[in-house]
Every structure is written in structure tokens, then in C-alpha cells.
Amino acid sequence: MMMLESISRIIKVQLPAYLKRLPIPETLTGFAKLTVSEWLRLLPLLGILALLGYITIRPFLPKKKKQKDSLINLKIQKENPKVVNEIDIEDLNSPSACYCRCWRSKTFPVCDKSHIKHNELTGDNVGPLILKKKVL
């Protein structure tokens, strides 16, 4: 019962008295004329308003990525416990070949430059594995 009376007193008496003492200007240009001490008196109210604003817009902010979103390999050979590709360099038909390391290539294991879009979206820096045939 005492607690409710204290809360009631704060809301009905102390809060209105506090708000009446605040140096809130009549116009927007009036904010530029406030002194440092007047700004300091406004800080608690501005902090509460900023917190309420954040709580209001928080549901609309982008969500943090879930652990599953941080997986690198999203769909290639998921039935296998470990994906391994073995290529004999001697079998290369061209002087060089690029192999995917971002797991986004539509032609996996050959790189189709999907890492460029992946890097732009995630801020990652992955690139292909480039194999070059030795010229003897």
C-alpha cells in the first residue's frame, strides 16, 4: 500500500512540478538560445524520451542474424558429413582454374564469382581458390 502511494505521489505531484520547472522553449529556435545549465536540466527528460523512442522503433529494426544464418555452406552436399572435392592439377584443361570457397556458386565447386555479392552483403572477404598449371 505504501509503495502505491509513493508512486501516486510521484506521478501526480512531483512529475508535474518537475515538468513545470523545465526550460522548454516555445519555438525550435529557442533551443539554440538555451544555456548549458538549462540543457543539463533537460537531459533526464531527453534521455527518457530517447529511450521511449528506441523502445517504440525497436520492433522495426533489422534482427540480428541467427546462428543458422552464419553457416557458410547453406545447401551443397548437406547429406555428407564433410564436403571434399579432389582435383588433380595435371588434369586441368586450361592454364588456370578458379574454385569456389564461399559456397554460393551455382556451378560449385567451380567459382562463378558469387563471392562478390556474398562479400557485399556480409562484409566478408572470401575469394576463390585459383589453381595454375605449371608451364614447363
N, C-alpha and C. Protein backbone atom coordinates (compact mmCIF):
# COMPACT_ATOMS: atom_id res chain seq x y z
N MET A 1 0.83 -1.20 0.00
CA MET A 1 0.00 0.00 0.00
C MET A 1 0.87 1.26 0.00
N MET A 2 1.95 1.25 0.80
CA MET A 2 2.86 2.40 0.86
C MET A 2 3.50 2.66 -0.50
N MET A 3 3.83 1.57 -1.19
CA MET A 3 4.50 1.69 -2.48
C MET A 3 3.59 2.39 -3.49
N LEU A 4 2.31 1.99 -3.53
CA LEU A 4 1.37 2.61 -4.46
C LEU A 4 1.17 4.10 -4.15
N GLU A 5 1.16 4.44 -2.89
CA GLU A 5 1.03 5.85 -2.50
C GLU A 5 2.24 6.65 -2.96
N SER A 6 3.43 6.06 -2.84
CA SER A 6 4.65 6.74 -3.28
C SER A 6 4.63 6.96 -4.79
N ILE A 7 4.23 5.92 -5.52
CA ILE A 7 4.16 6.04 -6.98
C ILE A 7 3.11 7.07 -7.37
N SER A 8 1.98 7.05 -6.71
CA SER A 8 0.92 8.01 -6.98
C SER A 8 1.40 9.44 -6.74
N ARG A 9 2.12 9.64 -5.65
CA ARG A 9 2.65 10.99 -5.34
C ARG A 9 3.65 11.45 -6.41
N ILE A 10 4.49 10.53 -6.86
CA ILE A 10 5.47 10.89 -7.90
C ILE A 10 4.75 11.32 -9.18
N ILE A 11 3.74 10.54 -9.59
CA ILE A 11 3.05 10.82 -10.84
C ILE A 11 2.17 12.07 -10.74
N LYS A 12 1.46 12.23 -9.63
CA LYS A 12 0.50 13.33 -9.50
C LYS A 12 1.12 14.65 -9.04
N VAL A 13 2.19 14.60 -8.25
CA VAL A 13 2.72 15.83 -7.67
C VAL A 13 4.12 16.16 -8.19
N GLN A 14 5.05 15.23 -8.01
CA GLN A 14 6.44 15.54 -8.31
C GLN A 14 6.72 15.66 -9.81
N LEU A 15 6.16 14.78 -10.62
CA LEU A 15 6.38 14.84 -12.07
C LEU A 15 5.85 16.14 -12.69
N PRO A 16 4.60 16.55 -12.39
CA PRO A 16 4.14 17.84 -12.93
C PRO A 16 4.99 19.02 -12.45
N ALA A 17 5.42 19.00 -11.20
CA ALA A 17 6.26 20.09 -10.69
C ALA A 17 7.60 20.11 -11.43
N TYR A 18 8.18 18.93 -11.66
CA TYR A 18 9.44 18.84 -12.40
C TYR A 18 9.27 19.39 -13.82
N LEU A 19 8.19 18.96 -14.51
CA LEU A 19 7.96 19.40 -15.88
C LEU A 19 7.73 20.91 -15.97
N LYS A 20 7.08 21.51 -14.96
CA LYS A 20 6.85 22.96 -14.96
C LYS A 20 8.15 23.73 -14.84
N ARG A 21 9.14 23.17 -14.13
CA ARG A 21 10.42 23.86 -13.93
C ARG A 21 11.37 23.72 -15.12
N LEU A 22 11.05 22.84 -16.06
CA LEU A 22 11.95 22.63 -17.20
C LEU A 22 11.94 23.83 -18.14
N PRO A 23 13.11 24.17 -18.66
CA PRO A 23 13.21 25.31 -19.59
C PRO A 23 12.89 24.89 -21.03
N ILE A 24 11.63 24.58 -21.29
CA ILE A 24 11.24 24.15 -22.63
C ILE A 24 10.82 25.39 -23.43
N PRO A 25 11.57 25.70 -24.52
CA PRO A 25 11.26 26.89 -25.31
C PRO A 25 9.96 26.75 -26.09
N GLU A 26 9.40 27.89 -26.46
CA GLU A 26 8.15 27.93 -27.23
C GLU A 26 8.36 27.55 -28.70
N THR A 27 9.55 27.83 -29.25
CA THR A 27 9.83 27.56 -30.66
C THR A 27 11.09 26.71 -30.79
N LEU A 28 11.31 26.19 -31.99
CA LEU A 28 12.51 25.39 -32.23
C LEU A 28 13.78 26.23 -32.13
N THR A 29 13.72 27.48 -32.57
CA THR A 29 14.90 28.34 -32.48
C THR A 29 15.23 28.66 -31.03
N GLY A 30 14.27 28.54 -30.15
CA GLY A 30 14.51 28.78 -28.73
C GLY A 30 15.48 27.78 -28.12
N PHE A 31 15.57 26.57 -28.70
CA PHE A 31 16.53 25.58 -28.21
C PHE A 31 17.96 26.07 -28.38
N ALA A 32 18.22 26.82 -29.44
CA ALA A 32 19.57 27.34 -29.68
C ALA A 32 19.96 28.38 -28.62
N LYS A 33 19.00 28.99 -27.99
CA LYS A 33 19.27 30.05 -27.00
C LYS A 33 19.41 29.51 -25.58
N LEU A 34 19.20 28.22 -25.39
CA LEU A 34 19.31 27.64 -24.05
C LEU A 34 20.76 27.67 -23.57
N THR A 35 20.94 27.90 -22.28
CA THR A 35 22.28 27.88 -21.69
C THR A 35 22.68 26.44 -21.38
N VAL A 36 23.95 26.24 -21.04
CA VAL A 36 24.45 24.91 -20.71
C VAL A 36 23.70 24.34 -19.50
N SER A 37 23.47 25.16 -18.49
CA SER A 37 22.77 24.66 -17.30
C SER A 37 21.32 24.29 -17.63
N GLU A 38 20.68 25.02 -18.54
CA GLU A 38 19.31 24.67 -18.95
C GLU A 38 19.31 23.35 -19.73
N TRP A 39 20.32 23.14 -20.57
CA TRP A 39 20.43 21.87 -21.29
C TRP A 39 20.64 20.72 -20.32
N LEU A 40 21.45 20.95 -19.29
CA LEU A 40 21.69 19.90 -18.30
C LEU A 40 20.41 19.55 -17.54
N ARG A 41 19.56 20.53 -17.29
CA ARG A 41 18.27 20.25 -16.64
C ARG A 41 17.34 19.46 -17.56
N LEU A 42 17.50 19.64 -18.87
CA LEU A 42 16.66 18.92 -19.84
C LEU A 42 17.15 17.49 -20.11
N LEU A 43 18.40 17.19 -19.79
CA LEU A 43 18.97 15.88 -20.12
C LEU A 43 18.16 14.68 -19.63
N PRO A 44 17.72 14.65 -18.36
CA PRO A 44 16.95 13.46 -17.93
C PRO A 44 15.69 13.25 -18.77
N LEU A 45 14.97 14.32 -19.07
CA LEU A 45 13.76 14.20 -19.88
C LEU A 45 14.10 13.73 -21.30
N LEU A 46 15.16 14.31 -21.88
CA LEU A 46 15.56 13.92 -23.23
C LEU A 46 16.01 12.46 -23.26
N GLY A 47 16.69 12.01 -22.21
CA GLY A 47 17.11 10.62 -22.12
C GLY A 47 15.92 9.68 -22.07
N ILE A 48 14.91 10.02 -21.28
CA ILE A 48 13.70 9.20 -21.19
C ILE A 48 12.97 9.17 -22.52
N LEU A 49 12.88 10.34 -23.19
CA LEU A 49 12.21 10.39 -24.49
C LEU A 49 12.97 9.57 -25.53
N ALA A 50 14.31 9.62 -25.50
CA ALA A 50 15.11 8.82 -26.43
C ALA A 50 14.89 7.33 -26.17
N LEU A 51 14.86 6.94 -24.90
CA LEU A 51 14.62 5.53 -24.56
C LEU A 51 13.24 5.08 -25.03
N LEU A 52 12.23 5.90 -24.81
CA LEU A 52 10.88 5.54 -25.27
C LEU A 52 10.82 5.45 -26.79
N GLY A 53 11.52 6.37 -27.48
CA GLY A 53 11.58 6.32 -28.94
C GLY A 53 12.25 5.05 -29.43
N TYR A 54 13.35 4.66 -28.78
CA TYR A 54 14.05 3.43 -29.17
C TYR A 54 13.16 2.22 -28.94
N ILE A 55 12.50 2.16 -27.80
CA ILE A 55 11.62 1.03 -27.50
C ILE A 55 10.48 0.95 -28.53
N THR A 56 10.04 2.11 -29.00
CA THR A 56 8.95 2.15 -29.98
C THR A 56 9.41 1.64 -31.34
N ILE A 57 10.61 2.03 -31.81
CA ILE A 57 11.06 1.63 -33.15
C ILE A 57 11.81 0.30 -33.16
N ARG A 58 12.18 -0.21 -31.99
CA ARG A 58 12.97 -1.45 -31.91
C ARG A 58 12.36 -2.63 -32.67
N PRO A 59 11.04 -2.84 -32.61
CA PRO A 59 10.47 -3.98 -33.36
C PRO A 59 10.68 -3.86 -34.87
N PHE A 60 10.91 -2.65 -35.38
CA PHE A 60 11.06 -2.44 -36.81
C PHE A 60 12.51 -2.46 -37.27
N LEU A 61 13.47 -2.52 -36.34
CA LEU A 61 14.88 -2.56 -36.69
C LEU A 61 15.24 -3.95 -37.20
N PRO A 62 16.29 -4.06 -38.05
CA PRO A 62 16.68 -5.38 -38.56
C PRO A 62 17.10 -6.29 -37.40
N LYS A 63 16.72 -7.53 -37.52
CA LYS A 63 17.04 -8.52 -36.48
C LYS A 63 18.49 -8.97 -36.62
N LYS A 64 19.09 -9.34 -35.51
CA LYS A 64 20.43 -9.92 -35.55
C LYS A 64 20.35 -11.27 -36.23
N LYS A 65 21.41 -11.60 -36.94
CA LYS A 65 21.44 -12.90 -37.62
C LYS A 65 21.46 -14.01 -36.59
N LYS A 66 20.67 -15.03 -36.88
CA LYS A 66 20.66 -16.20 -36.01
C LYS A 66 21.86 -17.07 -36.34
N GLN A 67 22.20 -17.98 -35.48
CA GLN A 67 23.36 -18.85 -35.68
C GLN A 67 23.31 -19.57 -37.02
N LYS A 68 22.10 -20.02 -37.43
CA LYS A 68 21.98 -20.74 -38.70
C LYS A 68 22.35 -19.85 -39.87
N ASP A 69 22.08 -18.53 -39.78
CA ASP A 69 22.42 -17.61 -40.85
C ASP A 69 23.93 -17.45 -41.02
N SER A 70 24.71 -17.82 -40.00
CA SER A 70 26.15 -17.65 -40.10
C SER A 70 26.83 -18.87 -40.71
N LEU A 71 26.06 -19.90 -41.06
CA LEU A 71 26.63 -21.05 -41.73
C LEU A 71 27.18 -20.61 -43.08
N ILE A 72 28.28 -21.20 -43.48
CA ILE A 72 28.86 -20.86 -44.78
C ILE A 72 28.21 -21.69 -45.87
N ASN A 73 28.19 -23.00 -45.69
CA ASN A 73 27.58 -23.89 -46.67
C ASN A 73 26.10 -24.04 -46.35
N LEU A 74 25.26 -23.45 -47.18
CA LEU A 74 23.83 -23.48 -46.92
C LEU A 74 23.10 -24.62 -47.63
N LYS A 75 23.68 -25.16 -48.75
CA LYS A 75 22.91 -26.15 -49.48
C LYS A 75 23.72 -27.21 -50.23
N ILE A 76 25.01 -27.11 -50.31
CA ILE A 76 25.80 -28.02 -51.14
C ILE A 76 26.15 -29.29 -50.37
N GLN A 77 25.74 -30.43 -50.88
CA GLN A 77 26.04 -31.75 -50.33
C GLN A 77 25.79 -31.82 -48.82
N LYS A 78 24.66 -31.32 -48.40
CA LYS A 78 24.34 -31.29 -46.96
C LYS A 78 24.16 -32.69 -46.38
N GLU A 79 23.92 -33.68 -47.25
CA GLU A 79 23.74 -35.04 -46.76
C GLU A 79 25.08 -35.66 -46.34
N ASN A 80 26.19 -35.08 -46.76
CA ASN A 80 27.51 -35.59 -46.41
C ASN A 80 28.01 -34.94 -45.11
N PRO A 81 28.70 -35.71 -44.26
CA PRO A 81 29.22 -35.11 -43.02
C PRO A 81 30.31 -34.08 -43.29
N LYS A 82 31.02 -34.23 -44.43
CA LYS A 82 32.09 -33.30 -44.78
C LYS A 82 32.19 -33.25 -46.30
N VAL A 83 32.22 -32.05 -46.87
CA VAL A 83 32.32 -31.89 -48.31
C VAL A 83 33.80 -31.79 -48.69
N VAL A 84 34.23 -32.70 -49.55
CA VAL A 84 35.62 -32.71 -50.01
C VAL A 84 35.61 -32.85 -51.53
N ASN A 85 36.35 -31.98 -52.20
CA ASN A 85 36.50 -32.07 -53.65
C ASN A 85 37.98 -32.25 -53.95
N GLU A 86 38.29 -33.28 -54.71
CA GLU A 86 39.68 -33.56 -55.05
C GLU A 86 39.85 -33.39 -56.55
N ILE A 87 40.84 -32.59 -56.94
CA ILE A 87 41.07 -32.31 -58.35
C ILE A 87 42.57 -32.48 -58.61
N ASP A 88 42.91 -33.27 -59.60
CA ASP A 88 44.32 -33.41 -59.99
C ASP A 88 44.71 -32.24 -60.87
N ILE A 89 45.72 -31.52 -60.46
CA ILE A 89 46.15 -30.34 -61.20
C ILE A 89 46.60 -30.73 -62.61
N GLU A 90 47.15 -31.91 -62.75
CA GLU A 90 47.59 -32.36 -64.07
C GLU A 90 46.43 -32.47 -65.05
N ASP A 91 45.23 -32.65 -64.53
CA ASP A 91 44.06 -32.80 -65.39
C ASP A 91 43.45 -31.48 -65.84
N LEU A 92 44.02 -30.36 -65.42
CA LEU A 92 43.47 -29.07 -65.83
C LEU A 92 43.58 -28.91 -67.35
N ASN A 93 42.49 -28.51 -67.96
CA ASN A 93 42.47 -28.32 -69.41
C ASN A 93 42.93 -26.93 -69.80
N SER A 94 42.89 -25.99 -68.85
CA SER A 94 43.30 -24.62 -69.15
C SER A 94 44.48 -24.26 -68.23
N PRO A 95 45.16 -23.15 -68.48
CA PRO A 95 46.32 -22.79 -67.66
C PRO A 95 45.96 -22.47 -66.20
N SER A 96 44.70 -22.13 -65.94
CA SER A 96 44.28 -21.87 -64.56
C SER A 96 42.81 -22.22 -64.37
N ALA A 97 42.43 -22.42 -63.11
CA ALA A 97 41.03 -22.72 -62.78
C ALA A 97 40.71 -22.08 -61.43
N CYS A 98 39.49 -21.57 -61.29
CA CYS A 98 39.06 -20.92 -60.04
C CYS A 98 38.01 -21.81 -59.38
N TYR A 99 38.23 -22.08 -58.10
CA TYR A 99 37.30 -22.92 -57.34
C TYR A 99 36.68 -22.14 -56.20
N CYS A 100 35.40 -22.38 -55.99
CA CYS A 100 34.60 -21.63 -55.02
C CYS A 100 35.04 -21.92 -53.58
N ARG A 101 35.10 -20.85 -52.77
CA ARG A 101 35.34 -21.00 -51.33
C ARG A 101 34.24 -20.32 -50.50
N CYS A 102 33.27 -19.70 -51.18
CA CYS A 102 32.18 -19.03 -50.43
C CYS A 102 30.94 -19.91 -50.33
N TRP A 103 30.90 -20.99 -51.04
CA TRP A 103 29.78 -21.94 -51.05
C TRP A 103 28.53 -21.37 -51.70
N ARG A 104 28.62 -20.27 -52.41
CA ARG A 104 27.44 -19.67 -53.03
C ARG A 104 27.36 -19.94 -54.53
N SER A 105 28.41 -20.53 -55.11
CA SER A 105 28.50 -20.73 -56.55
C SER A 105 27.40 -21.67 -57.04
N LYS A 106 26.76 -21.28 -58.14
CA LYS A 106 25.74 -22.14 -58.76
C LYS A 106 26.41 -23.27 -59.54
N THR A 107 27.72 -23.15 -59.78
CA THR A 107 28.46 -24.17 -60.52
C THR A 107 29.50 -24.84 -59.61
N PHE A 108 29.20 -24.92 -58.32
CA PHE A 108 30.14 -25.48 -57.34
C PHE A 108 30.65 -26.83 -57.80
N PRO A 109 31.92 -27.14 -57.70
CA PRO A 109 32.97 -26.42 -56.99
C PRO A 109 33.65 -25.32 -57.80
N VAL A 110 33.27 -25.12 -59.06
CA VAL A 110 33.87 -24.07 -59.88
C VAL A 110 33.28 -22.71 -59.48
N CYS A 111 34.14 -21.71 -59.35
CA CYS A 111 33.71 -20.36 -58.95
C CYS A 111 32.93 -19.69 -60.07
N ASP A 112 31.79 -19.08 -59.73
CA ASP A 112 31.04 -18.27 -60.69
C ASP A 112 30.98 -16.81 -60.24
N LYS A 113 31.88 -16.43 -59.34
CA LYS A 113 32.02 -15.08 -58.79
C LYS A 113 30.88 -14.69 -57.85
N SER A 114 30.18 -15.68 -57.31
CA SER A 114 29.12 -15.39 -56.34
C SER A 114 29.68 -14.75 -55.07
N HIS A 115 30.98 -14.94 -54.81
CA HIS A 115 31.58 -14.38 -53.61
C HIS A 115 31.52 -12.85 -53.61
N ILE A 116 31.44 -12.24 -54.77
CA ILE A 116 31.37 -10.77 -54.83
C ILE A 116 30.10 -10.28 -54.15
N LYS A 117 28.96 -10.87 -54.49
CA LYS A 117 27.69 -10.48 -53.87
C LYS A 117 27.69 -10.86 -52.38
N HIS A 118 28.20 -12.07 -52.07
CA HIS A 118 28.28 -12.52 -50.68
C HIS A 118 29.09 -11.52 -49.85
N ASN A 119 30.24 -11.08 -50.36
CA ASN A 119 31.08 -10.13 -49.63
C ASN A 119 30.39 -8.79 -49.44
N GLU A 120 29.66 -8.32 -50.45
CA GLU A 120 28.94 -7.05 -50.33
C GLU A 120 27.85 -7.13 -49.26
N LEU A 121 27.13 -8.26 -49.22
CA LEU A 121 26.03 -8.42 -48.27
C LEU A 121 26.50 -8.63 -46.83
N THR A 122 27.63 -9.34 -46.66
CA THR A 122 28.05 -9.73 -45.32
C THR A 122 29.25 -8.97 -44.80
N GLY A 123 29.98 -8.28 -45.67
CA GLY A 123 31.21 -7.63 -45.24
C GLY A 123 32.37 -8.62 -45.16
N ASP A 124 32.16 -9.83 -45.67
CA ASP A 124 33.19 -10.86 -45.67
C ASP A 124 34.25 -10.52 -46.72
N ASN A 125 35.33 -11.29 -46.76
CA ASN A 125 36.37 -11.03 -47.75
C ASN A 125 36.82 -12.29 -48.47
N VAL A 126 35.92 -13.26 -48.58
CA VAL A 126 36.27 -14.54 -49.19
C VAL A 126 36.43 -14.39 -50.71
N GLY A 127 37.33 -15.16 -51.25
CA GLY A 127 37.56 -15.18 -52.69
C GLY A 127 37.78 -16.61 -53.14
N PRO A 128 38.01 -16.82 -54.44
CA PRO A 128 38.17 -18.18 -54.95
C PRO A 128 39.56 -18.75 -54.67
N LEU A 129 39.66 -20.05 -54.81
CA LEU A 129 40.96 -20.74 -54.83
C LEU A 129 41.35 -20.82 -56.29
N ILE A 130 42.50 -20.27 -56.62
CA ILE A 130 42.94 -20.25 -58.02
C ILE A 130 44.09 -21.24 -58.17
N LEU A 131 43.90 -22.21 -59.06
CA LEU A 131 44.94 -23.19 -59.36
C LEU A 131 45.52 -22.87 -60.72
N LYS A 132 46.86 -22.82 -60.78
CA LYS A 132 47.53 -22.54 -62.06
C LYS A 132 48.37 -23.73 -62.46
N LYS A 133 48.29 -24.06 -63.70
CA LYS A 133 49.08 -25.17 -64.25
C LYS A 133 50.50 -24.69 -64.51
N LYS A 134 51.46 -25.43 -64.00
CA LYS A 134 52.86 -25.06 -64.21
C LYS A 134 53.21 -25.24 -65.67
N VAL A 135 53.84 -24.24 -66.23
CA VAL A 135 54.30 -24.33 -67.61
C VAL A 135 55.77 -24.73 -67.56
N LEU A 136 56.08 -25.89 -68.12
CA LEU A 136 57.47 -26.39 -68.09
C LEU A 136 58.23 -26.07 -69.32
